[in-house]
Amino acid sequence: MEFKADQLGLQRIEQLRDLYESLSAAENNQQTKRLSASLSPEDLTSTEWYYVVCMSFTFNPGQGLPGRALANN
């Protein structure tokens, strides 16, 4: 049972990465082929949106909330 939950979590992370790549390509006016199993922005929870946004920015240690969290680890 735990293995299946881990597998579903990894699958969701991969979907989030695909969505990020799709949004990044659209921002750069590149043609992308959307997979039918991909997520759309409307499918995301607030936590997942935070994850996607953090992937799109670089935070130095101590800079902003993500950077402060990094500095504390």
N, C-alpha and C. Protein backbone atom coordinates (compact mmCIF):
# COMPACT_ATOMS: atom_id res chain seq x y z
N MET A 1 0.83 -1.19 0.00
CA MET A 1 0.00 0.00 0.00
C MET A 1 0.87 1.25 0.00
N GLU A 2 1.92 1.28 0.83
CA GLU A 2 2.79 2.45 0.91
C GLU A 2 3.54 2.64 -0.41
N PHE A 3 3.94 1.53 -1.03
CA PHE A 3 4.65 1.61 -2.31
C PHE A 3 3.79 2.31 -3.35
N LYS A 4 2.50 2.00 -3.38
CA LYS A 4 1.61 2.62 -4.36
C LYS A 4 1.48 4.13 -4.10
N ALA A 5 1.39 4.53 -2.84
CA ALA A 5 1.30 5.96 -2.51
C ALA A 5 2.57 6.68 -2.95
N ASP A 6 3.73 6.07 -2.71
CA ASP A 6 5.00 6.66 -3.15
C ASP A 6 5.05 6.78 -4.67
N GLN A 7 4.58 5.75 -5.34
CA GLN A 7 4.58 5.75 -6.80
C GLN A 7 3.65 6.84 -7.34
N LEU A 8 2.49 7.02 -6.72
CA LEU A 8 1.57 8.07 -7.13
C LEU A 8 2.16 9.45 -6.89
N GLY A 9 2.88 9.61 -5.77
CA GLY A 9 3.53 10.88 -5.47
C GLY A 9 4.59 11.22 -6.51
N LEU A 10 5.39 10.23 -6.90
CA LEU A 10 6.41 10.46 -7.92
C LEU A 10 5.79 10.78 -9.27
N GLN A 11 4.67 10.13 -9.55
CA GLN A 11 3.96 10.40 -10.80
C GLN A 11 3.43 11.84 -10.82
N ARG A 12 2.92 12.30 -9.68
CA ARG A 12 2.41 13.68 -9.59
C ARG A 12 3.55 14.69 -9.77
N ILE A 13 4.70 14.40 -9.19
CA ILE A 13 5.86 15.28 -9.34
C ILE A 13 6.26 15.37 -10.82
N GLU A 14 6.25 14.25 -11.50
CA GLU A 14 6.58 14.25 -12.93
C GLU A 14 5.57 15.08 -13.72
N GLN A 15 4.29 14.98 -13.35
CA GLN A 15 3.27 15.79 -14.01
C GLN A 15 3.50 17.28 -13.75
N LEU A 16 3.91 17.62 -12.53
CA LEU A 16 4.20 19.02 -12.20
C LEU A 16 5.38 19.54 -13.02
N ARG A 17 6.39 18.71 -13.18
CA ARG A 17 7.55 19.10 -14.01
C ARG A 17 7.13 19.31 -15.46
N ASP A 18 6.28 18.41 -15.96
CA ASP A 18 5.80 18.56 -17.34
C ASP A 18 5.02 19.86 -17.50
N LEU A 19 4.19 20.18 -16.51
CA LEU A 19 3.42 21.42 -16.56
C LEU A 19 4.36 22.63 -16.54
N TYR A 20 5.36 22.59 -15.67
CA TYR A 20 6.33 23.69 -15.61
C TYR A 20 7.02 23.87 -16.96
N GLU A 21 7.46 22.77 -17.56
CA GLU A 21 8.13 22.86 -18.86
C GLU A 21 7.19 23.41 -19.93
N SER A 22 5.94 23.01 -19.87
CA SER A 22 4.95 23.50 -20.82
C SER A 22 4.72 25.00 -20.65
N LEU A 23 4.58 25.45 -19.40
CA LEU A 23 4.39 26.88 -19.13
C LEU A 23 5.63 27.68 -19.52
N SER A 24 6.81 27.14 -19.26
CA SER A 24 8.06 27.82 -19.62
C SER A 24 8.19 27.96 -21.13
N ALA A 25 7.86 26.90 -21.84
CA ALA A 25 7.95 26.94 -23.30
C ALA A 25 6.95 27.93 -23.87
N ALA A 26 5.76 27.98 -23.30
CA ALA A 26 4.74 28.92 -23.77
C ALA A 26 5.19 30.36 -23.53
N GLU A 27 5.86 30.58 -22.40
CA GLU A 27 6.37 31.92 -22.08
C GLU A 27 7.43 32.35 -23.09
N ASN A 28 8.19 31.39 -23.58
CA ASN A 28 9.25 31.69 -24.55
C ASN A 28 8.76 31.55 -25.99
N ASN A 29 7.44 31.47 -26.18
CA ASN A 29 6.82 31.36 -27.50
C ASN A 29 7.29 30.14 -28.29
N GLN A 30 7.55 29.05 -27.59
CA GLN A 30 7.94 27.82 -28.25
C GLN A 30 6.71 26.94 -28.39
N GLN A 31 6.68 26.17 -29.46
CA GLN A 31 5.58 25.22 -29.66
C GLN A 31 5.80 24.02 -28.75
N THR A 32 4.76 23.64 -28.02
CA THR A 32 4.86 22.45 -27.18
C THR A 32 3.66 21.56 -27.46
N LYS A 33 3.89 20.29 -27.37
CA LYS A 33 2.80 19.34 -27.52
C LYS A 33 2.35 18.92 -26.13
N ARG A 34 1.12 19.20 -25.82
CA ARG A 34 0.60 18.88 -24.50
C ARG A 34 0.16 17.43 -24.45
N LEU A 35 0.66 16.72 -23.46
CA LEU A 35 0.28 15.33 -23.29
C LEU A 35 -1.12 15.27 -22.69
N SER A 36 -1.89 14.28 -23.07
CA SER A 36 -3.26 14.19 -22.58
C SER A 36 -3.30 13.94 -21.07
N ALA A 37 -2.26 13.32 -20.52
CA ALA A 37 -2.24 13.03 -19.09
C ALA A 37 -1.66 14.18 -18.27
N SER A 38 -1.24 15.25 -18.95
CA SER A 38 -0.63 16.38 -18.24
C SER A 38 -1.66 17.14 -17.43
N LEU A 39 -1.16 17.83 -16.44
CA LEU A 39 -2.01 18.68 -15.61
C LEU A 39 -2.25 20.00 -16.30
N SER A 40 -3.34 20.63 -15.97
CA SER A 40 -3.55 22.01 -16.37
C SER A 40 -3.43 22.85 -15.11
N PRO A 41 -3.19 24.14 -15.22
CA PRO A 41 -3.06 24.98 -14.02
C PRO A 41 -4.26 24.87 -13.08
N GLU A 42 -5.43 24.63 -13.62
CA GLU A 42 -6.63 24.53 -12.79
C GLU A 42 -6.64 23.29 -11.90
N ASP A 43 -5.80 22.30 -12.22
CA ASP A 43 -5.76 21.05 -11.45
C ASP A 43 -4.91 21.14 -10.19
N LEU A 44 -4.18 22.24 -10.01
CA LEU A 44 -3.19 22.32 -8.94
C LEU A 44 -3.77 22.82 -7.62
N THR A 45 -3.23 22.27 -6.54
CA THR A 45 -3.53 22.79 -5.21
C THR A 45 -2.61 23.98 -4.96
N SER A 46 -2.84 24.70 -3.89
CA SER A 46 -1.98 25.84 -3.55
C SER A 46 -0.55 25.40 -3.32
N THR A 47 -0.37 24.27 -2.66
CA THR A 47 0.97 23.74 -2.39
C THR A 47 1.68 23.39 -3.69
N GLU A 48 0.95 22.79 -4.61
CA GLU A 48 1.56 22.43 -5.89
C GLU A 48 1.91 23.67 -6.71
N TRP A 49 1.09 24.71 -6.64
CA TRP A 49 1.43 25.96 -7.32
C TRP A 49 2.71 26.54 -6.74
N TYR A 50 2.85 26.49 -5.43
CA TYR A 50 4.06 26.99 -4.77
C TYR A 50 5.28 26.23 -5.30
N TYR A 51 5.16 24.92 -5.43
CA TYR A 51 6.23 24.08 -5.94
C TYR A 51 6.60 24.50 -7.37
N VAL A 52 5.60 24.69 -8.23
CA VAL A 52 5.85 25.07 -9.62
C VAL A 52 6.50 26.45 -9.69
N VAL A 53 6.01 27.39 -8.90
CA VAL A 53 6.58 28.74 -8.89
C VAL A 53 8.03 28.71 -8.41
N CYS A 54 8.30 27.94 -7.37
CA CYS A 54 9.68 27.86 -6.86
C CYS A 54 10.62 27.26 -7.90
N MET A 55 10.11 26.36 -8.75
CA MET A 55 10.95 25.79 -9.80
C MET A 55 11.32 26.85 -10.84
N SER A 56 10.52 27.90 -10.95
CA SER A 56 10.76 28.88 -11.99
C SER A 56 11.63 30.05 -11.56
N PHE A 57 12.05 30.08 -10.31
CA PHE A 57 12.88 31.16 -9.79
C PHE A 57 14.12 30.60 -9.12
N THR A 58 15.15 31.41 -9.07
CA THR A 58 16.36 31.07 -8.33
C THR A 58 16.38 31.91 -7.07
N PHE A 59 16.50 31.26 -5.93
CA PHE A 59 16.54 31.95 -4.65
C PHE A 59 17.90 31.72 -4.01
N ASN A 60 18.58 32.78 -3.69
CA ASN A 60 19.84 32.68 -2.97
C ASN A 60 19.56 32.40 -1.51
N PRO A 61 20.48 31.73 -0.80
CA PRO A 61 20.26 31.50 0.63
C PRO A 61 19.96 32.82 1.35
N GLY A 62 18.89 32.82 2.11
CA GLY A 62 18.48 33.99 2.87
C GLY A 62 17.59 34.96 2.10
N GLN A 63 17.38 34.73 0.80
CA GLN A 63 16.57 35.63 -0.02
C GLN A 63 15.14 35.11 -0.11
N GLY A 64 14.19 35.90 0.36
CA GLY A 64 12.79 35.50 0.29
C GLY A 64 12.51 34.31 1.19
N LEU A 65 11.27 33.88 1.23
CA LEU A 65 10.88 32.75 2.07
C LEU A 65 11.60 31.46 1.68
N PRO A 66 11.65 31.09 0.38
CA PRO A 66 12.37 29.87 0.02
C PRO A 66 13.86 29.94 0.35
N GLY A 67 14.47 31.09 0.15
CA GLY A 67 15.89 31.25 0.46
C GLY A 67 16.17 31.17 1.95
N ARG A 68 15.26 31.71 2.76
CA ARG A 68 15.43 31.61 4.22
C ARG A 68 15.28 30.16 4.67
N ALA A 69 14.34 29.44 4.06
CA ALA A 69 14.17 28.02 4.39
C ALA A 69 15.43 27.25 4.01
N LEU A 70 16.01 27.57 2.86
CA LEU A 70 17.25 26.92 2.43
C LEU A 70 18.39 27.24 3.39
N ALA A 71 18.48 28.47 3.82
CA ALA A 71 19.56 28.89 4.72
C ALA A 71 19.45 28.20 6.08
N ASN A 72 18.24 27.87 6.50
CA ASN A 72 18.04 27.23 7.80
C ASN A 72 18.33 25.74 7.78
N ASN A 73 18.48 25.15 6.59
CA ASN A 73 18.75 23.71 6.51
C ASN A 73 20.19 23.41 6.51
